[in-house]
C-alpha atoms as a PDB file:
ATOM      1  CA  MET A   1      -0.228   0.254  -0.486  1.00  0.00           C
ATOM      2  CA  ASN A   2       1.051   3.515  -1.141  1.00  0.00           C
ATOM      3  CA  GLN A   3       2.178   5.544   2.342  1.00  0.00           C
ATOM      4  CA  GLY A   4       3.740   8.424   0.090  1.00  0.00           C
ATOM      5  CA  LYS A   5       3.898  10.279  -3.238  1.00  0.00           C
ATOM      6  CA  TYR A   6       4.209   7.948  -5.930  1.00  0.00           C
ATOM      7  CA  VAL A   7       8.200   8.265  -7.480  1.00  0.00           C
ATOM      8  CA  PHE A   8       6.944  10.383 -10.571  1.00  0.00           C
ATOM      9  CA  SER A   9       5.676  13.017  -8.351  1.00  0.00           C
ATOM     10  CA  GLN A  10       8.353  13.020  -6.432  1.00  0.00           C
ATOM     11  CA  ILE A  11      10.331  13.054  -9.001  1.00  0.00           C
ATOM     12  CA  VAL A  12       8.460  16.275 -10.716  1.00  0.00           C
ATOM     13  CA  THR A  13       8.577  17.980  -7.615  1.00  0.00           C
ATOM     14  CA  PHE A  14      12.703  19.115  -8.035  1.00  0.00           C
ATOM     15  CA  LEU A  15      11.433  20.289 -11.859  1.00  0.00           C
ATOM     16  CA  PRO A  16      12.595  24.402 -11.748  1.00  0.00           C
ATOM     17  CA  ALA A  17       8.422  24.598 -13.596  1.00  0.00           C
ATOM     18  CA  ARG A  18       9.265  28.735 -13.704  1.00  0.00           C
ATOM     19  CA  ILE A  19      13.307  28.219 -15.134  1.00  0.00           C
ATOM     20  CA  PHE A  20      10.946  26.092 -18.246  1.00  0.00           C
ATOM     21  CA  ASP A  21       8.574  28.270 -18.592  1.00  0.00           C
ATOM     22  CA  ARG A  22      10.708  31.011 -18.786  1.00  0.00           C
ATOM     23  CA  CYS A  23      12.748  28.750 -21.778  1.00  0.00           C
ATOM     24  CA  VAL A  24       9.655  28.045 -23.032  1.00  0.00           C
ATOM     25  CA  ASN A  25       8.945  31.330 -24.096  1.00  0.00           C
ATOM     26  CA  SER A  26      12.487  33.100 -24.857  1.00  0.00           C
ATOM     27  CA  PHE A  27      11.559  29.969 -27.759  1.00  0.00           C
ATOM     28  CA  GLN A  28       8.237  30.860 -27.710  1.00  0.00           C
ATOM     29  CA  GLY A  29       7.417  27.200 -27.967  1.00  0.00           C
ATOM     30  CA  ASP A  30       4.059  27.246 -26.606  1.00  0.00           C
ATOM     31  CA  LYS A  31       2.804  30.012 -29.415  1.00  0.00           C
ATOM     32  CA  TRP A  32       0.575  28.002 -31.412  1.00  0.00           C
ATOM     33  CA  VAL A  33      -0.490  25.850 -28.749  1.00  0.00           C
ATOM     34  CA  LYS A  34      -4.162  25.492 -27.884  1.00  0.00           C
ATOM     35  CA  HIS A  35      -3.721  21.984 -25.704  1.00  0.00           C
ATOM     36  CA  PHE A  36      -1.055  20.027 -25.477  1.00  0.00           C
ATOM     37  CA  THR A  37       1.639  22.796 -23.949  1.00  0.00           C
ATOM     38  CA  CYS A  38       5.562  22.281 -23.823  1.00  0.00           C
ATOM     39  CA  TRP A  39       5.072  21.377 -19.916  1.00  0.00           C
ATOM     40  CA  ASN A  40       2.285  18.445 -20.573  1.00  0.00           C
ATOM     41  CA  GLN A  41       4.707  17.015 -23.528  1.00  0.00           C
ATOM     42  CA  LEU A  42       7.714  17.373 -21.009  1.00  0.00           C
ATOM     43  CA  MET A  43       5.773  14.959 -18.019  1.00  0.00           C
ATOM     44  CA  CYS A  44       4.809  12.441 -20.887  1.00  0.00           C
ATOM     45  CA  MET A  45       8.165  12.086 -21.861  1.00  0.00           C
ATOM     46  CA  ILE A  46       9.561  11.402 -17.962  1.00  0.00           C
ATOM     47  CA  PHE A  47       7.034   9.006 -17.645  1.00  0.00           C
ATOM     48  CA  GLY A  48       7.364   7.263 -20.315  1.00  0.00           C
ATOM     49  CA  GLN A  49      11.165   7.083 -19.182  1.00  0.00           C
ATOM     50  CA  LEU A  50      10.230   5.970 -16.264  1.00  0.00           C
ATOM     51  CA  SER A  51       8.726   2.867 -17.181  1.00  0.00           C
ATOM     52  CA  ASN A  52      11.075   2.190 -19.859  1.00  0.00           C
ATOM     53  CA  ARG A  53       8.422   3.272 -23.144  1.00  0.00           C
ATOM     54  CA  ASN A  54      10.100   4.153 -27.152  1.00  0.00           C
ATOM     55  CA  SER A  55       7.904   6.631 -28.154  1.00  0.00           C
ATOM     56  CA  LEU A  56       4.955   9.035 -27.433  1.00  0.00           C
ATOM     57  CA  ARG A  57       2.362   7.005 -29.511  1.00  0.00           C
ATOM     58  CA  ASP A  58       4.145   3.850 -27.063  1.00  0.00           C
ATOM     59  CA  LEU A  59       2.461   5.760 -24.071  1.00  0.00           C
ATOM     60  CA  LEU A  60      -0.995   5.646 -25.879  1.00  0.00           C
ATOM     61  CA  VAL A  61      -0.920   2.407 -26.846  1.00  0.00           C
END
């Protein structure tokens, strides 16, 4: 039984979201994005690494 946070949430707490947002804004990464932002893609890629996936498509299947 889980008594604390999941590993994924523990790793995400170490990521500085402000610095990441500053980098995204400097390169205009979310300029034309409506739903799937750069932060969402980063979270999916981290989850994919932790679950040993090969691609974003592999996460969906």
